[in-house]
PDB file of N, CA and C in Angstrom:
ATOM      1  N   MET A   1       2.603   5.249 -11.676  1.00  0.00           N
ATOM      2  CA  MET A   1       2.067   4.377 -10.599  1.00  0.00           C
ATOM      3  C   MET A   1       0.574   5.069 -10.293  1.00  0.00           C
ATOM      4  N   ASN A   2      -0.217   4.100 -10.437  1.00  0.00           N
ATOM      5  CA  ASN A   2      -1.625   4.650  -9.979  1.00  0.00           C
ATOM      6  C   ASN A   2      -2.068   4.496  -8.699  1.00  0.00           C
ATOM      7  N   LEU A   3      -1.344   3.889  -7.856  1.00  0.00           N
ATOM      8  CA  LEU A   3      -1.736   3.716  -6.173  1.00  0.00           C
ATOM      9  C   LEU A   3      -1.615   5.290  -5.879  1.00  0.00           C
ATOM     10  N   LYS A   4      -2.236   5.602  -4.641  1.00  0.00           N
ATOM     11  CA  LYS A   4      -2.081   6.806  -3.921  1.00  0.00           C
ATOM     12  C   LYS A   4      -2.219   6.567  -2.338  1.00  0.00           C
ATOM     13  N   LYS A   5      -1.866   7.419  -1.839  1.00  0.00           N
ATOM     14  CA  LYS A   5      -1.753   7.106  -0.258  1.00  0.00           C
ATOM     15  C   LYS A   5      -3.356   7.243   0.058  1.00  0.00           C
ATOM     16  N   GLY A   6      -3.486   6.283   1.075  1.00  0.00           N
ATOM     17  CA  GLY A   6      -5.085   6.322   1.581  1.00  0.00           C
ATOM     18  C   GLY A   6      -5.955   5.209   0.963  1.00  0.00           C
ATOM     19  N   ASP A   7      -5.328   4.348  -0.261  1.00  0.00           N
ATOM     20  CA  ASP A   7      -6.137   3.457  -1.069  1.00  0.00           C
ATOM     21  C   ASP A   7      -6.037   2.201  -0.289  1.00  0.00           C
ATOM     22  N   ASN A   8      -7.260   1.410   0.081  1.00  0.00           N
ATOM     23  CA  ASN A   8      -7.315  -0.044   0.551  1.00  0.00           C
ATOM     24  C   ASN A   8      -6.943  -0.808  -0.606  1.00  0.00           C
ATOM     25  N   VAL A   9      -5.839  -1.812  -0.107  1.00  0.00           N
ATOM     26  CA  VAL A   9      -5.223  -2.606  -0.882  1.00  0.00           C
ATOM     27  C   VAL A   9      -5.188  -4.234  -0.430  1.00  0.00           C
ATOM     28  N   GLN A  10      -5.145  -4.993  -1.080  1.00  0.00           N
ATOM     29  CA  GLN A  10      -4.669  -6.407  -0.613  1.00  0.00           C
ATOM     30  C   GLN A  10      -3.398  -6.947  -1.274  1.00  0.00           C
ATOM     31  N   ILE A  11      -2.597  -7.596  -0.481  1.00  0.00           N
ATOM     32  CA  ILE A  11      -1.492  -7.988  -0.658  1.00  0.00           C
ATOM     33  C   ILE A  11      -1.791  -9.223  -1.719  1.00  0.00           C
ATOM     34  N   ILE A  12      -1.025  -9.601  -2.694  1.00  0.00           N
ATOM     35  CA  ILE A  12      -1.486 -10.820  -3.740  1.00  0.00           C
ATOM     36  C   ILE A  12      -0.269 -11.864  -3.679  1.00  0.00           C
ATOM     37  N   THR A  13       0.586 -11.217  -2.981  1.00  0.00           N
ATOM     38  CA  THR A  13       1.989 -12.501  -2.855  1.00  0.00           C
ATOM     39  C   THR A  13       2.652 -12.332  -1.829  1.00  0.00           C
ATOM     40  N   GLY A  14       3.418 -13.170  -1.463  1.00  0.00           N
ATOM     41  CA  GLY A  14       4.303 -13.070  -0.095  1.00  0.00           C
ATOM     42  C   GLY A  14       3.651 -13.683   0.866  1.00  0.00           C
ATOM     43  N   LYS A  15       4.438 -13.399   2.207  1.00  0.00           N
ATOM     44  CA  LYS A  15       4.131 -14.068   3.510  1.00  0.00           C
ATOM     45  C   LYS A  15       2.724 -13.306   4.068  1.00  0.00           C
ATOM     46  N   ASP A  16       2.262 -12.198   3.664  1.00  0.00           N
ATOM     47  CA  ASP A  16       1.187 -11.632   3.789  1.00  0.00           C
ATOM     48  C   ASP A  16      -0.013 -11.630   3.098  1.00  0.00           C
ATOM     49  N   LYS A  17      -0.012 -12.730   2.060  1.00  0.00           N
ATOM     50  CA  LYS A  17      -0.868 -12.835   1.046  1.00  0.00           C
ATOM     51  C   LYS A  17      -2.276 -12.939   1.610  1.00  0.00           C
ATOM     52  N   GLY A  18      -3.254 -12.210   1.023  1.00  0.00           N
ATOM     53  CA  GLY A  18      -4.598 -12.052   1.482  1.00  0.00           C
ATOM     54  C   GLY A  18      -4.933 -10.819   2.423  1.00  0.00           C
ATOM     55  N   LYS A  19      -3.845 -10.481   3.013  1.00  0.00           N
ATOM     56  CA  LYS A  19      -4.269  -9.523   4.031  1.00  0.00           C
ATOM     57  C   LYS A  19      -4.584  -8.057   3.469  1.00  0.00           C
ATOM     58  N   ARG A  20      -5.247  -7.023   4.076  1.00  0.00           N
ATOM     59  CA  ARG A  20      -5.879  -5.882   3.534  1.00  0.00           C
ATOM     60  C   ARG A  20      -5.436  -4.944   4.501  1.00  0.00           C
ATOM     61  N   GLY A  21      -4.927  -3.604   4.125  1.00  0.00           N
ATOM     62  CA  GLY A  21      -4.630  -2.692   4.784  1.00  0.00           C
ATOM     63  C   GLY A  21      -4.676  -1.306   3.873  1.00  0.00           C
ATOM     64  N   LYS A  22      -4.386  -0.219   4.508  1.00  0.00           N
ATOM     65  CA  LYS A  22      -4.027   1.019   3.742  1.00  0.00           C
ATOM     66  C   LYS A  22      -2.964   1.629   3.533  1.00  0.00           C
ATOM     67  N   ILE A  23      -2.648   2.148   2.510  1.00  0.00           N
ATOM     68  CA  ILE A  23      -1.500   2.858   2.073  1.00  0.00           C
ATOM     69  C   ILE A  23      -1.220   3.849   2.886  1.00  0.00           C
ATOM     70  N   VAL A  24       0.084   3.986   3.390  1.00  0.00           N
ATOM     71  CA  VAL A  24       0.596   4.838   4.454  1.00  0.00           C
ATOM     72  C   VAL A  24       1.435   5.637   3.666  1.00  0.00           C
ATOM     73  N   ARG A  25       2.203   5.162   2.732  1.00  0.00           N
ATOM     74  CA  ARG A  25       3.251   5.956   1.949  1.00  0.00           C
ATOM     75  C   ARG A  25       3.605   5.416   0.644  1.00  0.00           C
ATOM     76  N   VAL A  26       3.948   6.433  -0.119  1.00  0.00           N
ATOM     77  CA  VAL A  26       4.238   5.919  -1.528  1.00  0.00           C
ATOM     78  C   VAL A  26       5.644   6.379  -2.090  1.00  0.00           C
ATOM     79  N   VAL A  27       6.327   5.335  -2.328  1.00  0.00           N
ATOM     80  CA  VAL A  27       7.758   5.591  -2.833  1.00  0.00           C
ATOM     81  C   VAL A  27       7.609   5.493  -4.349  1.00  0.00           C
ATOM     82  N   ALA A  28       7.597   6.723  -4.897  1.00  0.00           N
ATOM     83  CA  ALA A  28       6.907   6.327  -6.489  1.00  0.00           C
ATOM     84  C   ALA A  28       8.628   6.113  -7.245  1.00  0.00           C
ATOM     85  N   ASP A  29       9.544   6.755  -6.927  1.00  0.00           N
ATOM     86  CA  ASP A  29      10.794   6.538  -7.720  1.00  0.00           C
ATOM     87  C   ASP A  29      11.195   5.098  -7.460  1.00  0.00           C
ATOM     88  N   LYS A  30      11.084   4.275  -6.488  1.00  0.00           N
ATOM     89  CA  LYS A  30      11.357   2.899  -6.403  1.00  0.00           C
ATOM     90  C   LYS A  30       9.950   1.925  -6.865  1.00  0.00           C
ATOM     91  N   ASN A  31       8.934   2.660  -7.133  1.00  0.00           N
ATOM     92  CA  ASN A  31       7.908   1.938  -7.374  1.00  0.00           C
ATOM     93  C   ASN A  31       7.326   0.885  -6.048  1.00  0.00           C
ATOM     94  N   GLN A  32       7.382   1.572  -4.933  1.00  0.00           N
ATOM     95  CA  GLN A  32       6.973   0.818  -3.798  1.00  0.00           C
ATOM     96  C   GLN A  32       6.102   1.753  -2.984  1.00  0.00           C
ATOM     97  N   VAL A  33       5.392   0.664  -2.182  1.00  0.00           N
ATOM     98  CA  VAL A  33       4.264   1.188  -1.153  1.00  0.00           C
ATOM     99  C   VAL A  33       4.676   0.710   0.183  1.00  0.00           C
ATOM    100  N   VAL A  34       4.029   1.600   1.102  1.00  0.00           N
ATOM    101  CA  VAL A  34       4.374   0.993   2.511  1.00  0.00           C
ATOM    102  C   VAL A  34       2.823   0.711   3.162  1.00  0.00           C
ATOM    103  N   VAL A  35       2.259  -0.517   3.263  1.00  0.00           N
ATOM    104  CA  VAL A  35       0.989  -0.657   3.763  1.00  0.00           C
ATOM    105  C   VAL A  35       1.046  -0.772   5.589  1.00  0.00           C
ATOM    106  N   GLU A  36      -0.210  -0.152   6.005  1.00  0.00           N
ATOM    107  CA  GLU A  36      -0.238  -0.081   7.509  1.00  0.00           C
ATOM    108  C   GLU A  36      -0.387  -1.270   8.021  1.00  0.00           C
ATOM    109  N   GLY A  37       0.455  -1.461   8.987  1.00  0.00           N
ATOM    110  CA  GLY A  37       0.399  -2.932   9.799  1.00  0.00           C
ATOM    111  C   GLY A  37       0.843  -4.265   9.188  1.00  0.00           C
ATOM    112  N   LEU A  38       1.203  -3.984   7.791  1.00  0.00           N
ATOM    113  CA  LEU A  38       1.822  -5.376   7.016  1.00  0.00           C
ATOM    114  C   LEU A  38       3.255  -5.289   6.647  1.00  0.00           C
ATOM    115  N   ASN A  39       3.842  -6.496   6.275  1.00  0.00           N
ATOM    116  CA  ASN A  39       4.903  -6.677   5.879  1.00  0.00           C
ATOM    117  C   ASN A  39       6.013  -6.039   7.016  1.00  0.00           C
ATOM    118  N   LEU A  40       5.693  -6.428   8.019  1.00  0.00           N
ATOM    119  CA  LEU A  40       6.535  -5.853   9.522  1.00  0.00           C
ATOM    120  C   LEU A  40       7.904  -6.477   9.339  1.00  0.00           C
ATOM    121  N   ARG A  41       8.800  -5.768   9.895  1.00  0.00           N
ATOM    122  CA  ARG A  41      10.131  -6.041  10.100  1.00  0.00           C
ATOM    123  C   ARG A  41      10.881  -5.781  11.451  1.00  0.00           C
ATOM    124  N   ILE A  42      11.850  -6.191  12.114  1.00  0.00           N
ATOM    125  CA  ILE A  42      12.035  -5.772  13.058  1.00  0.00           C
ATOM    126  C   ILE A  42      13.654  -5.025  13.204  1.00  0.00           C
ATOM    127  N   ARG A  43      13.753  -4.091  13.520  1.00  0.00           N
ATOM    128  CA  ARG A  43      15.101  -3.273  13.459  1.00  0.00           C
ATOM    129  C   ARG A  43      15.422  -3.267  15.203  1.00  0.00           C
ATOM    130  N   HIS A  44      16.786  -3.722  15.486  1.00  0.00           N
ATOM    131  CA  HIS A  44      17.351  -3.881  16.726  1.00  0.00           C
ATOM    132  C   HIS A  44      18.211  -2.424  16.964  1.00  0.00           C
ATOM    133  N   ALA A  45      17.800  -1.811  18.012  1.00  0.00           N
ATOM    134  CA  ALA A  45      18.364  -0.514  18.187  1.00  0.00           C
ATOM    135  C   ALA A  45      19.368  -0.552  19.715  1.00  0.00           C
ATOM    136  N   ARG A  46      20.433  -0.480  19.738  1.00  0.00           N
ATOM    137  CA  ARG A  46      21.394  -0.082  20.878  1.00  0.00           C
ATOM    138  C   ARG A  46      20.778   0.802  21.674  1.00  0.00           C
ATOM    139  N   GLY A  47      20.991   0.915  22.921  1.00  0.00           N
ATOM    140  CA  GLY A  47      20.789   1.774  24.014  1.00  0.00           C
ATOM    141  C   GLY A  47      21.797   2.972  23.772  1.00  0.00           C
ATOM    142  N   ARG A  48      21.347   4.024  23.893  1.00  0.00           N
ATOM    143  CA  ARG A  48      22.250   5.189  23.734  1.00  0.00           C
ATOM    144  C   ARG A  48      22.962   5.576  24.796  1.00  0.00           C
ATOM    145  N   ARG A  49      22.325   5.655  25.924  1.00  0.00           N
ATOM    146  CA  ARG A  49      22.997   5.932  27.202  1.00  0.00           C
ATOM    147  C   ARG A  49      23.585   4.793  27.878  1.00  0.00           C
ATOM    148  N   GLU A  50      24.390   4.803  28.729  1.00  0.00           N
ATOM    149  CA  GLU A  50      25.127   3.913  29.799  1.00  0.00           C
ATOM    150  C   GLU A  50      23.887   3.260  30.712  1.00  0.00           C
ATOM    151  N   GLY A  51      23.785   2.137  30.762  1.00  0.00           N
ATOM    152  CA  GLY A  51      22.638   1.572  31.404  1.00  0.00           C
ATOM    153  C   GLY A  51      21.411   1.376  30.968  1.00  0.00           C
ATOM    154  N   GLU A  52      20.900   2.074  29.739  1.00  0.00           N
ATOM    155  CA  GLU A  52      19.995   1.976  29.054  1.00  0.00           C
ATOM    156  C   GLU A  52      19.810   0.745  28.143  1.00  0.00           C
ATOM    157  N   LYS A  53      18.581   0.038  28.062  1.00  0.00           N
ATOM    158  CA  LYS A  53      18.700  -1.014  27.519  1.00  0.00           C
ATOM    159  C   LYS A  53      18.304  -1.033  25.890  1.00  0.00           C
ATOM    160  N   GLY A  54      18.473  -2.008  25.006  1.00  0.00           N
ATOM    161  CA  GLY A  54      18.273  -1.830  23.651  1.00  0.00           C
ATOM    162  C   GLY A  54      16.946  -2.102  23.431  1.00  0.00           C
ATOM    163  N   GLN A  55      16.320  -2.009  22.256  1.00  0.00           N
ATOM    164  CA  GLN A  55      15.053  -2.489  22.116  1.00  0.00           C
ATOM    165  C   GLN A  55      14.641  -2.807  20.347  1.00  0.00           C
ATOM    166  N   ARG A  56      13.891  -3.854  20.549  1.00  0.00           N
ATOM    167  CA  ARG A  56      13.395  -3.948  19.064  1.00  0.00           C
ATOM    168  C   ARG A  56      12.184  -3.226  18.671  1.00  0.00           C
ATOM    169  N   ILE A  57      12.615  -2.648  17.571  1.00  0.00           N
ATOM    170  CA  ILE A  57      11.587  -1.656  17.197  1.00  0.00           C
ATOM    171  C   ILE A  57      11.115  -2.222  15.528  1.00  0.00           C
ATOM    172  N   GLU A  58       9.609  -2.498  15.742  1.00  0.00           N
ATOM    173  CA  GLU A  58       8.736  -2.980  14.851  1.00  0.00           C
ATOM    174  C   GLU A  58       8.128  -2.116  13.672  1.00  0.00           C
ATOM    175  N   PHE A  59       8.486  -2.132  12.265  1.00  0.00           N
ATOM    176  CA  PHE A  59       7.910  -1.021  11.416  1.00  0.00           C
ATOM    177  C   PHE A  59       7.705  -1.904  10.259  1.00  0.00           C
ATOM    178  N   ALA A  60       6.600  -1.015   9.453  1.00  0.00           N
ATOM    179  CA  ALA A  60       6.316  -1.673   8.199  1.00  0.00           C
ATOM    180  C   ALA A  60       7.143  -1.362   7.009  1.00  0.00           C
ATOM    181  N   ALA A  61       7.703  -2.260   6.255  1.00  0.00           N
ATOM    182  CA  ALA A  61       8.627  -1.924   5.158  1.00  0.00           C
ATOM    183  C   ALA A  61       7.909  -1.789   4.025  1.00  0.00           C
ATOM    184  N   PRO A  62       8.550  -1.307   2.974  1.00  0.00           N
ATOM    185  CA  PRO A  62       8.125  -1.075   1.694  1.00  0.00           C
ATOM    186  C   PRO A  62       7.811  -2.203   0.989  1.00  0.00           C
ATOM    187  N   LEU A  63       6.842  -2.546   0.041  1.00  0.00           N
ATOM    188  CA  LEU A  63       6.519  -3.241  -0.650  1.00  0.00           C
ATOM    189  C   LEU A  63       6.454  -3.035  -2.142  1.00  0.00           C
ATOM    190  N   ASN A  64       6.801  -3.834  -3.242  1.00  0.00           N
ATOM    191  CA  ASN A  64       6.818  -3.392  -4.463  1.00  0.00           C
ATOM    192  C   ASN A  64       5.250  -3.171  -5.061  1.00  0.00           C
ATOM    193  N   ALA A  65       5.093  -2.382  -5.605  1.00  0.00           N
ATOM    194  CA  ALA A  65       3.550  -1.761  -5.944  1.00  0.00           C
ATOM    195  C   ALA A  65       2.945  -3.006  -6.888  1.00  0.00           C
ATOM    196  N   SER A  66       3.816  -3.732  -7.582  1.00  0.00           N
ATOM    197  CA  SER A  66       3.082  -4.991  -8.172  1.00  0.00           C
ATOM    198  C   SER A  66       2.701  -6.094  -7.340  1.00  0.00           C
ATOM    199  N   ASN A  67       3.057  -6.023  -6.167  1.00  0.00           N
ATOM    200  CA  ASN A  67       2.470  -7.029  -5.090  1.00  0.00           C
ATOM    201  C   ASN A  67       1.148  -6.681  -4.346  1.00  0.00           C
ATOM    202  N   VAL A  68       0.585  -5.622  -4.826  1.00  0.00           N
ATOM    203  CA  VAL A  68      -0.736  -5.182  -4.299  1.00  0.00           C
ATOM    204  C   VAL A  68      -1.579  -4.815  -5.364  1.00  0.00           C
ATOM    205  N   MET A  69      -2.937  -5.135  -4.903  1.00  0.00           N
ATOM    206  CA  MET A  69      -4.063  -4.606  -5.638  1.00  0.00           C
ATOM    207  C   MET A  69      -5.062  -3.878  -4.965  1.00  0.00           C
ATOM    208  N   VAL A  70      -5.721  -2.961  -5.569  1.00  0.00           N
ATOM    209  CA  VAL A  70      -6.643  -2.046  -5.138  1.00  0.00           C
ATOM    210  C   VAL A  70      -7.887  -2.594  -4.662  1.00  0.00           C
ATOM    211  N   VAL A  71      -8.641  -2.380  -3.743  1.00  0.00           N
ATOM    212  CA  VAL A  71      -9.617  -3.109  -3.388  1.00  0.00           C
ATOM    213  C   VAL A  71     -11.023  -2.062  -3.474  1.00  0.00           C
ATOM    214  N   ASP A  72     -11.750  -2.545  -4.267  1.00  0.00           N
ATOM    215  CA  ASP A  72     -12.860  -1.658  -5.100  1.00  0.00           C
ATOM    216  C   ASP A  72     -13.932  -1.622  -3.809  1.00  0.00           C
ATOM    217  N   SER A  73     -14.410  -0.549  -3.173  1.00  0.00           N
ATOM    218  CA  SER A  73     -15.112  -0.188  -2.083  1.00  0.00           C
ATOM    219  C   SER A  73     -16.487  -0.667  -2.147  1.00  0.00           C
ATOM    220  N   ARG A  74     -17.064  -0.597  -3.390  1.00  0.00           N
ATOM    221  CA  ARG A  74     -18.439  -0.921  -3.649  1.00  0.00           C
ATOM    222  C   ARG A  74     -18.634  -2.496  -3.846  1.00  0.00           C
ATOM    223  N   THR A  75     -17.876  -3.364  -4.282  1.00  0.00           N
ATOM    224  CA  THR A  75     -17.973  -4.606  -4.333  1.00  0.00           C
ATOM    225  C   THR A  75     -17.172  -5.405  -3.284  1.00  0.00           C
ATOM    226  N   ASN A  76     -16.349  -4.692  -2.722  1.00  0.00           N
ATOM    227  CA  ASN A  76     -15.339  -5.247  -1.780  1.00  0.00           C
ATOM    228  C   ASN A  76     -14.319  -6.324  -2.227  1.00  0.00           C
ATOM    229  N   LYS A  77     -14.024  -6.379  -3.649  1.00  0.00           N
ATOM    230  CA  LYS A  77     -13.160  -7.309  -4.345  1.00  0.00           C
ATOM    231  C   LYS A  77     -11.963  -6.426  -5.048  1.00  0.00           C
ATOM    232  N   THR A  78     -10.792  -7.305  -5.300  1.00  0.00           N
ATOM    233  CA  THR A  78      -9.783  -6.671  -5.750  1.00  0.00           C
ATOM    234  C   THR A  78     -10.150  -6.380  -7.205  1.00  0.00           C
ATOM    235  N   THR A  79      -9.454  -5.390  -7.803  1.00  0.00           N
ATOM    236  CA  THR A  79      -9.619  -4.873  -9.262  1.00  0.00           C
ATOM    237  C   THR A  79      -8.294  -4.191  -9.628  1.00  0.00           C
ATOM    238  N   ARG A  80      -8.207  -4.174 -10.953  1.00  0.00           N
ATOM    239  CA  ARG A  80      -7.249  -3.363 -11.613  1.00  0.00           C
ATOM    240  C   ARG A  80      -7.597  -1.869 -11.819  1.00  0.00           C
ATOM    241  N   LEU A  81      -6.764  -1.093 -12.071  1.00  0.00           N
ATOM    242  CA  LEU A  81      -7.011   0.149 -12.080  1.00  0.00           C
ATOM    243  C   LEU A  81      -7.004   0.623 -13.674  1.00  0.00           C
ATOM    244  N   GLY A  82      -7.928   1.555 -13.957  1.00  0.00           N
ATOM    245  CA  GLY A  82      -7.587   2.114 -15.224  1.00  0.00           C
ATOM    246  C   GLY A  82      -7.995   3.563 -15.137  1.00  0.00           C
ATOM    247  N   SER A  83      -7.647   4.441 -16.534  1.00  0.00           N
ATOM    248  CA  SER A  83      -7.966   5.915 -16.315  1.00  0.00           C
ATOM    249  C   SER A  83      -8.859   6.171 -17.343  1.00  0.00           C
ATOM    250  N   LYS A  84      -9.558   7.298 -17.052  1.00  0.00           N
ATOM    251  CA  LYS A  84     -10.596   8.011 -17.956  1.00  0.00           C
ATOM    252  C   LYS A  84     -10.721   9.527 -18.118  1.00  0.00           C
ATOM    253  N   LYS A  85     -10.684  10.046 -19.037  1.00  0.00           N
ATOM    254  CA  LYS A  85     -10.716  11.573 -19.325  1.00  0.00           C
ATOM    255  C   LYS A  85     -12.080  12.126 -19.108  1.00  0.00           C
ATOM    256  N   LEU A  86     -12.365  13.034 -18.337  1.00  0.00           N
ATOM    257  CA  LEU A  86     -13.572  13.556 -18.443  1.00  0.00           C
ATOM    258  C   LEU A  86     -13.848  14.595 -19.560  1.00  0.00           C
ATOM    259  N   ALA A  87     -15.008  15.199 -19.636  1.00  0.00           N
ATOM    260  CA  ALA A  87     -15.120  16.257 -20.762  1.00  0.00           C
ATOM    261  C   ALA A  87     -14.344  17.557 -20.456  1.00  0.00           C
ATOM    262  N   ASP A  88     -14.013  17.860 -19.144  1.00  0.00           N
ATOM    263  CA  ASP A  88     -13.631  18.945 -18.763  1.00  0.00           C
ATOM    264  C   ASP A  88     -11.894  18.992 -18.766  1.00  0.00           C
ATOM    265  N   GLY A  89     -11.356  17.553 -19.252  1.00  0.00           N
ATOM    266  CA  GLY A  89      -9.898  17.333 -19.279  1.00  0.00           C
ATOM    267  C   GLY A  89      -9.331  16.817 -17.903  1.00  0.00           C
ATOM    268  N   LYS A  90     -10.262  16.560 -17.045  1.00  0.00           N
ATOM    269  CA  LYS A  90      -9.690  15.831 -15.850  1.00  0.00           C
ATOM    270  C   LYS A  90      -9.487  14.563 -16.082  1.00  0.00           C
ATOM    271  N   LYS A  91      -8.394  14.023 -15.480  1.00  0.00           N
ATOM    272  CA  LYS A  91      -8.196  12.466 -15.688  1.00  0.00           C
ATOM    273  C   LYS A  91      -8.542  11.766 -14.362  1.00  0.00           C
ATOM    274  N   ILE A  92      -9.316  10.524 -14.433  1.00  0.00           N
ATOM    275  CA  ILE A  92      -9.876  10.056 -13.067  1.00  0.00           C
ATOM    276  C   ILE A  92      -9.337   8.580 -13.061  1.00  0.00           C
ATOM    277  N   ARG A  93      -9.422   8.011 -12.065  1.00  0.00           N
ATOM    278  CA  ARG A  93      -8.947   6.273 -11.889  1.00  0.00           C
ATOM    279  C   ARG A  93     -10.352   5.710 -11.842  1.00  0.00           C
ATOM    280  N   ILE A  94     -10.309   4.840 -12.574  1.00  0.00           N
ATOM    281  CA  ILE A  94     -11.621   3.713 -12.524  1.00  0.00           C
ATOM    282  C   ILE A  94     -11.370   2.296 -12.268  1.00  0.00           C
ATOM    283  N   SER A  95     -12.390   1.768 -11.671  1.00  0.00           N
ATOM    284  CA  SER A  95     -12.075   0.304 -11.392  1.00  0.00           C
ATOM    285  C   SER A  95     -12.493  -0.429 -12.934  1.00  0.00           C
ATOM    286  N   ARG A  96     -11.424  -1.347 -13.292  1.00  0.00           N
ATOM    287  CA  ARG A  96     -11.598  -2.026 -14.500  1.00  0.00           C
ATOM    288  C   ARG A  96     -12.690  -3.020 -14.170  1.00  0.00           C
ATOM    289  N   VAL A  97     -13.252  -3.357 -12.915  1.00  0.00           N
ATOM    290  CA  VAL A  97     -14.236  -4.620 -12.850  1.00  0.00           C
ATOM    291  C   VAL A  97     -15.757  -3.711 -13.039  1.00  0.00           C
ATOM    292  N   THR A  98     -16.074  -2.715 -12.322  1.00  0.00           N
ATOM    293  CA  THR A  98     -17.180  -1.940 -12.368  1.00  0.00           C
ATOM    294  C   THR A  98     -17.062  -0.919 -13.499  1.00  0.00           C
ATOM    295  N   GLY A  99     -16.143  -0.139 -13.711  1.00  0.00           N
ATOM    296  CA  GLY A  99     -16.124   0.956 -14.720  1.00  0.00           C
ATOM    297  C   GLY A  99     -16.322   2.392 -13.814  1.00  0.00           C
ATOM    298  N   GLU A 100     -16.326   2.013 -12.521  1.00  0.00           N
ATOM    299  CA  GLU A 100     -16.705   3.554 -11.673  1.00  0.00           C
ATOM    300  C   GLU A 100     -15.548   3.889 -10.919  1.00  0.00           C
ATOM    301  N   GLU A 101     -15.811   5.388 -10.805  1.00  0.00           N
ATOM    302  CA  GLU A 101     -14.506   6.025 -10.269  1.00  0.00           C
ATOM    303  C   GLU A 101     -14.028   5.563  -8.866  1.00  0.00           C
ATOM    304  N   ILE A 102     -12.842   5.388  -8.528  1.00  0.00           N
ATOM    305  CA  ILE A 102     -12.026   4.944  -7.239  1.00  0.00           C
ATOM    306  C   ILE A 102     -12.032   6.109  -6.437  1.00  0.00           C
TER     307      ILE A 102
END
């Protein structure tokens, strides 16, 4: 998976299609990402003590990594990712649109 924590992405399918956000967490073994403030779900929690009210907890659920695309910061458009080896043996991620480092 080429996506990293902190990448700016756009959701390309589903109820939040077209919305942009930052990746908060990457679940590599399940090929999923959590995007800040998007794909929100509600979990109902019961009150723990007597007399305490229950509550609704809203949280960002994981999305499949194939449902998001990285946003190139220079062009502000979505792009596919590629990789390139430098002369010193380092591997970097590049934008397929501009060919520049992400």
